[in-house]
């Protein structure tokens, strides 16, 4: 692209030094423009990486949820057993 721009300036009658300077300035502006966009845009690989990370987090949340349910059920059963033991102590001692 740089060569085509330079040749277009030369064909338009612009001397070599100014044509090179203008072409270099245009090239620098285009590179800066694309570098800004490349920092802001996500590639398919970036999106896939984030999707995989989200799936890992979801799996971890599901495991934690199962653990919480398991421990809550165990605690409820233990509390019921303890309540029965205390009730037996107080109501059968008389």
N, C-alpha and C. Protein backbone atom coordinates (compact mmCIF):
# COMPACT_ATOMS: atom_id res chain seq x y z
N UNK A 1 0.83 -1.19 0.00
CA UNK A 1 0.00 0.00 0.00
C UNK A 1 0.87 1.25 0.00
N UNK A 2 1.95 1.19 0.75
CA UNK A 2 2.83 2.34 0.86
C UNK A 2 3.42 2.73 -0.51
N UNK A 3 3.82 1.73 -1.25
CA UNK A 3 4.40 1.98 -2.57
C UNK A 3 3.36 2.56 -3.52
N UNK A 4 2.13 2.08 -3.46
CA UNK A 4 1.07 2.58 -4.34
C UNK A 4 0.78 4.05 -4.04
N UNK A 5 0.77 4.41 -2.78
CA UNK A 5 0.52 5.81 -2.40
C UNK A 5 1.66 6.69 -2.90
N UNK A 6 2.88 6.23 -2.68
CA UNK A 6 4.06 6.98 -3.13
C UNK A 6 4.01 7.19 -4.64
N UNK A 7 3.73 6.13 -5.38
CA UNK A 7 3.68 6.23 -6.84
C UNK A 7 2.56 7.16 -7.29
N UNK A 8 1.42 7.15 -6.58
CA UNK A 8 0.32 8.04 -6.93
C UNK A 8 0.72 9.50 -6.74
N UNK A 9 1.44 9.80 -5.65
CA UNK A 9 1.92 11.16 -5.44
C UNK A 9 2.92 11.57 -6.52
N UNK A 10 3.81 10.66 -6.88
CA UNK A 10 4.81 10.95 -7.92
C UNK A 10 4.13 11.20 -9.26
N UNK A 11 3.12 10.39 -9.58
CA UNK A 11 2.39 10.57 -10.84
C UNK A 11 1.61 11.88 -10.85
N UNK A 12 1.22 12.34 -9.64
CA UNK A 12 0.48 13.60 -9.52
C UNK A 12 1.41 14.80 -9.62
N UNK A 13 2.71 14.55 -9.70
CA UNK A 13 3.67 15.64 -9.88
C UNK A 13 4.33 16.10 -8.61
N UNK A 14 4.13 15.40 -7.51
CA UNK A 14 4.78 15.78 -6.25
C UNK A 14 6.20 15.23 -6.27
N UNK A 15 7.13 16.06 -5.84
CA UNK A 15 8.54 15.65 -5.86
C UNK A 15 8.79 14.50 -4.90
N UNK A 16 9.96 13.86 -5.07
CA UNK A 16 10.28 12.63 -4.34
C UNK A 16 10.28 12.81 -2.82
N UNK A 17 10.97 13.82 -2.31
CA UNK A 17 11.08 14.01 -0.86
C UNK A 17 9.71 14.25 -0.21
N UNK A 18 8.91 15.19 -0.71
CA UNK A 18 7.59 15.37 -0.09
C UNK A 18 6.70 14.14 -0.25
N UNK A 19 6.78 13.44 -1.37
CA UNK A 19 5.97 12.24 -1.59
C UNK A 19 6.34 11.17 -0.56
N UNK A 20 7.64 11.02 -0.30
CA UNK A 20 8.08 10.04 0.71
C UNK A 20 7.60 10.45 2.09
N UNK A 21 7.70 11.74 2.41
CA UNK A 21 7.30 12.22 3.74
C UNK A 21 5.79 12.03 3.96
N UNK A 22 5.02 12.39 2.94
CA UNK A 22 3.56 12.24 3.07
C UNK A 22 3.19 10.77 3.18
N UNK A 23 3.82 9.93 2.37
CA UNK A 23 3.55 8.49 2.40
C UNK A 23 3.89 7.91 3.77
N UNK A 24 5.03 8.34 4.32
CA UNK A 24 5.44 7.85 5.65
C UNK A 24 4.44 8.31 6.71
N UNK A 25 3.95 9.55 6.62
CA UNK A 25 2.99 10.06 7.59
C UNK A 25 1.67 9.29 7.50
N UNK A 26 1.23 9.02 6.27
CA UNK A 26 0.00 8.24 6.10
C UNK A 26 0.17 6.84 6.66
N UNK A 27 1.30 6.22 6.36
CA UNK A 27 1.58 4.86 6.85
C UNK A 27 1.60 4.83 8.38
N UNK A 28 2.22 5.84 8.99
CA UNK A 28 2.28 5.91 10.46
C UNK A 28 0.87 6.07 11.04
N UNK A 29 0.06 6.90 10.43
CA UNK A 29 -1.31 7.12 10.93
C UNK A 29 -2.14 5.84 10.82
N UNK A 30 -1.99 5.13 9.70
CA UNK A 30 -2.73 3.88 9.50
C UNK A 30 -2.28 2.83 10.53
N UNK A 31 -0.98 2.71 10.73
CA UNK A 31 -0.47 1.74 11.72
C UNK A 31 -0.96 2.08 13.13
N UNK A 32 -0.98 3.36 13.47
CA UNK A 32 -1.45 3.78 14.79
C UNK A 32 -2.94 3.47 14.94
N UNK A 33 -3.69 3.73 13.89
CA UNK A 33 -5.13 3.46 13.91
C UNK A 33 -5.39 1.97 14.14
N UNK A 34 -4.68 1.13 13.40
CA UNK A 34 -4.90 -0.32 13.54
C UNK A 34 -4.36 -0.86 14.85
N UNK A 35 -3.30 -0.27 15.38
CA UNK A 35 -2.79 -0.76 16.66
C UNK A 35 -3.77 -0.45 17.79
N UNK A 36 -4.43 0.71 17.72
CA UNK A 36 -5.44 1.05 18.72
C UNK A 36 -6.58 0.05 18.65
N UNK A 37 -7.03 -0.26 17.44
CA UNK A 37 -8.14 -1.21 17.29
C UNK A 37 -7.74 -2.63 17.70
N UNK A 38 -6.52 -3.01 17.41
CA UNK A 38 -6.11 -4.37 17.77
C UNK A 38 -6.05 -4.56 19.28
N UNK A 39 -5.81 -3.48 20.02
CA UNK A 39 -5.80 -3.57 21.49
C UNK A 39 -7.22 -3.69 22.04
N UNK A 40 -8.20 -3.16 21.31
CA UNK A 40 -9.57 -3.12 21.80
C UNK A 40 -10.40 -4.31 21.33
N UNK A 41 -10.02 -4.94 20.24
CA UNK A 41 -10.82 -6.02 19.68
C UNK A 41 -10.37 -7.37 20.20
N UNK A 42 -11.31 -8.27 20.33
CA UNK A 42 -11.02 -9.63 20.76
C UNK A 42 -10.99 -10.55 19.54
N UNK A 43 -10.06 -11.46 19.54
CA UNK A 43 -10.00 -12.45 18.47
C UNK A 43 -10.89 -13.64 18.84
N UNK A 44 -11.08 -14.53 17.89
CA UNK A 44 -11.86 -15.74 18.17
C UNK A 44 -11.19 -16.54 19.29
N UNK A 45 -9.87 -16.55 19.29
CA UNK A 45 -9.13 -17.24 20.34
C UNK A 45 -9.38 -16.62 21.71
N UNK A 46 -9.42 -15.28 21.76
CA UNK A 46 -9.71 -14.59 23.02
C UNK A 46 -11.10 -14.97 23.54
N UNK A 47 -12.07 -14.96 22.64
CA UNK A 47 -13.44 -15.28 23.02
C UNK A 47 -13.53 -16.73 23.50
N UNK A 48 -12.86 -17.63 22.81
CA UNK A 48 -12.87 -19.05 23.20
C UNK A 48 -12.22 -19.23 24.57
N UNK A 49 -11.13 -18.52 24.82
CA UNK A 49 -10.45 -18.61 26.11
C UNK A 49 -11.39 -18.15 27.24
N UNK A 50 -12.08 -17.05 27.04
CA UNK A 50 -13.01 -16.55 28.05
C UNK A 50 -14.15 -17.54 28.25
N UNK A 51 -14.65 -18.12 27.15
CA UNK A 51 -15.74 -19.10 27.26
C UNK A 51 -15.30 -20.30 28.09
N UNK A 52 -14.08 -20.78 27.87
CA UNK A 52 -13.56 -21.92 28.64
C UNK A 52 -13.41 -21.55 30.12
N UNK A 53 -12.94 -20.35 30.39
CA UNK A 53 -12.81 -19.91 31.78
C UNK A 53 -14.18 -19.83 32.46
N UNK A 54 -15.17 -19.34 31.74
CA UNK A 54 -16.52 -19.26 32.29
C UNK A 54 -17.04 -20.66 32.61
N UNK A 55 -16.79 -21.61 31.72
CA UNK A 55 -17.22 -22.99 31.96
C UNK A 55 -16.53 -23.57 33.20
N UNK A 56 -15.25 -23.26 33.39
CA UNK A 56 -14.54 -23.74 34.59
C UNK A 56 -15.16 -23.16 35.85
N UNK A 57 -15.48 -21.87 35.81
CA UNK A 57 -16.09 -21.22 36.97
C UNK A 57 -17.47 -21.81 37.26
N UNK A 58 -18.25 -22.05 36.20
CA UNK A 58 -19.57 -22.65 36.40
C UNK A 58 -19.45 -24.04 37.03
N UNK A 59 -18.49 -24.83 36.57
CA UNK A 59 -18.29 -26.17 37.14
C UNK A 59 -17.89 -26.06 38.61
N UNK A 60 -17.04 -25.11 38.93
CA UNK A 60 -16.62 -24.92 40.33
C UNK A 60 -17.80 -24.49 41.19
N UNK A 61 -18.64 -23.62 40.66
CA UNK A 61 -19.84 -23.19 41.41
C UNK A 61 -20.77 -24.37 41.65
N UNK A 62 -20.94 -25.22 40.65
CA UNK A 62 -21.80 -26.41 40.81
C UNK A 62 -21.26 -27.35 41.89
N UNK A 63 -19.91 -27.54 41.91
CA UNK A 63 -19.31 -28.37 42.96
C UNK A 63 -19.52 -27.76 44.34
N UNK A 64 -19.35 -26.44 44.43
CA UNK A 64 -19.55 -25.77 45.72
C UNK A 64 -21.00 -25.87 46.15
N UNK A 65 -21.92 -25.74 45.21
CA UNK A 65 -23.34 -25.86 45.52
C UNK A 65 -23.67 -27.25 46.06
N UNK A 66 -23.11 -28.27 45.43
CA UNK A 66 -23.34 -29.64 45.89
C UNK A 66 -22.77 -29.84 47.30
N UNK A 67 -21.60 -29.28 47.56
CA UNK A 67 -21.00 -29.38 48.89
C UNK A 67 -21.86 -28.68 49.94
N UNK A 68 -22.36 -27.51 49.60
CA UNK A 68 -23.20 -26.76 50.55
C UNK A 68 -24.47 -27.55 50.86
N UNK A 69 -25.10 -28.11 49.83
CA UNK A 69 -26.31 -28.91 50.06
C UNK A 69 -26.00 -30.12 50.93
N UNK A 70 -24.89 -30.79 50.63
CA UNK A 70 -24.50 -31.97 51.40
C UNK A 70 -24.29 -31.61 52.87
N UNK A 71 -23.56 -30.55 53.16
CA UNK A 71 -23.28 -30.16 54.53
C UNK A 71 -24.54 -29.66 55.24
N UNK A 72 -25.41 -28.98 54.51
CA UNK A 72 -26.66 -28.52 55.14
C UNK A 72 -27.55 -29.70 55.52
N UNK A 73 -27.66 -30.68 54.65
CA UNK A 73 -28.47 -31.86 54.97
C UNK A 73 -27.87 -32.59 56.17
N UNK A 74 -26.56 -32.72 56.18
CA UNK A 74 -25.89 -33.35 57.32
C UNK A 74 -26.12 -32.59 58.62
N UNK A 75 -26.06 -31.26 58.53
CA UNK A 75 -26.29 -30.44 59.73
C UNK A 75 -27.73 -30.56 60.21
N UNK A 76 -28.67 -30.61 59.29
CA UNK A 76 -30.08 -30.76 59.67
C UNK A 76 -30.31 -32.10 60.36
N UNK A 77 -29.73 -33.16 59.81
CA UNK A 77 -29.88 -34.48 60.41
C UNK A 77 -29.23 -34.51 61.79
N UNK A 78 -28.04 -33.90 61.91
CA UNK A 78 -27.36 -33.86 63.21
C UNK A 78 -28.18 -33.05 64.23
N UNK A 79 -28.73 -31.93 63.79
CA UNK A 79 -29.54 -31.11 64.70
C UNK A 79 -30.79 -31.86 65.13
N UNK A 80 -31.41 -32.58 64.21
CA UNK A 80 -32.60 -33.36 64.56
C UNK A 80 -32.23 -34.45 65.56
N UNK A 81 -31.10 -35.11 65.34
CA UNK A 81 -30.64 -36.15 66.27
C UNK A 81 -30.34 -35.58 67.64
N UNK A 82 -29.71 -34.43 67.66
CA UNK A 82 -29.40 -33.78 68.93
C UNK A 82 -30.69 -33.37 69.65
N UNK A 83 -31.65 -32.85 68.92
CA UNK A 83 -32.93 -32.46 69.52
C UNK A 83 -33.64 -33.67 70.10
N UNK A 84 -33.58 -34.80 69.39
CA UNK A 84 -34.20 -36.02 69.90
C UNK A 84 -33.50 -36.51 71.17
N UNK A 85 -32.17 -36.42 71.18
CA UNK A 85 -31.41 -36.85 72.36
C UNK A 85 -31.74 -35.97 73.56
N UNK A 86 -31.80 -34.67 73.34
CA UNK A 86 -32.13 -33.74 74.44
C UNK A 86 -33.56 -33.99 74.90
N UNK A 87 -34.47 -34.19 73.97
CA UNK A 87 -35.87 -34.46 74.34
C UNK A 87 -35.96 -35.75 75.14
N UNK A 88 -35.22 -36.76 74.76
CA UNK A 88 -35.25 -38.04 75.49
C UNK A 88 -34.71 -37.86 76.90
N UNK A 89 -33.64 -37.05 77.05
CA UNK A 89 -33.07 -36.80 78.36
C UNK A 89 -34.07 -36.13 79.28
N UNK A 90 -34.76 -35.14 78.79
CA UNK A 90 -35.68 -34.38 79.64
C UNK A 90 -37.02 -35.07 79.85
N UNK A 91 -37.52 -35.75 78.83
CA UNK A 91 -38.87 -36.30 78.96
C UNK A 91 -38.91 -37.74 79.45
N UNK A 92 -37.81 -38.46 79.38
CA UNK A 92 -37.82 -39.83 79.89
C UNK A 92 -37.19 -39.91 81.29
N UNK A 93 -36.62 -38.85 81.78
CA UNK A 93 -35.99 -38.86 83.10
C UNK A 93 -37.03 -38.76 84.21
N UNK A 94 -38.21 -38.37 83.92
CA UNK A 94 -39.19 -38.21 84.99
C UNK A 94 -39.80 -39.46 85.44
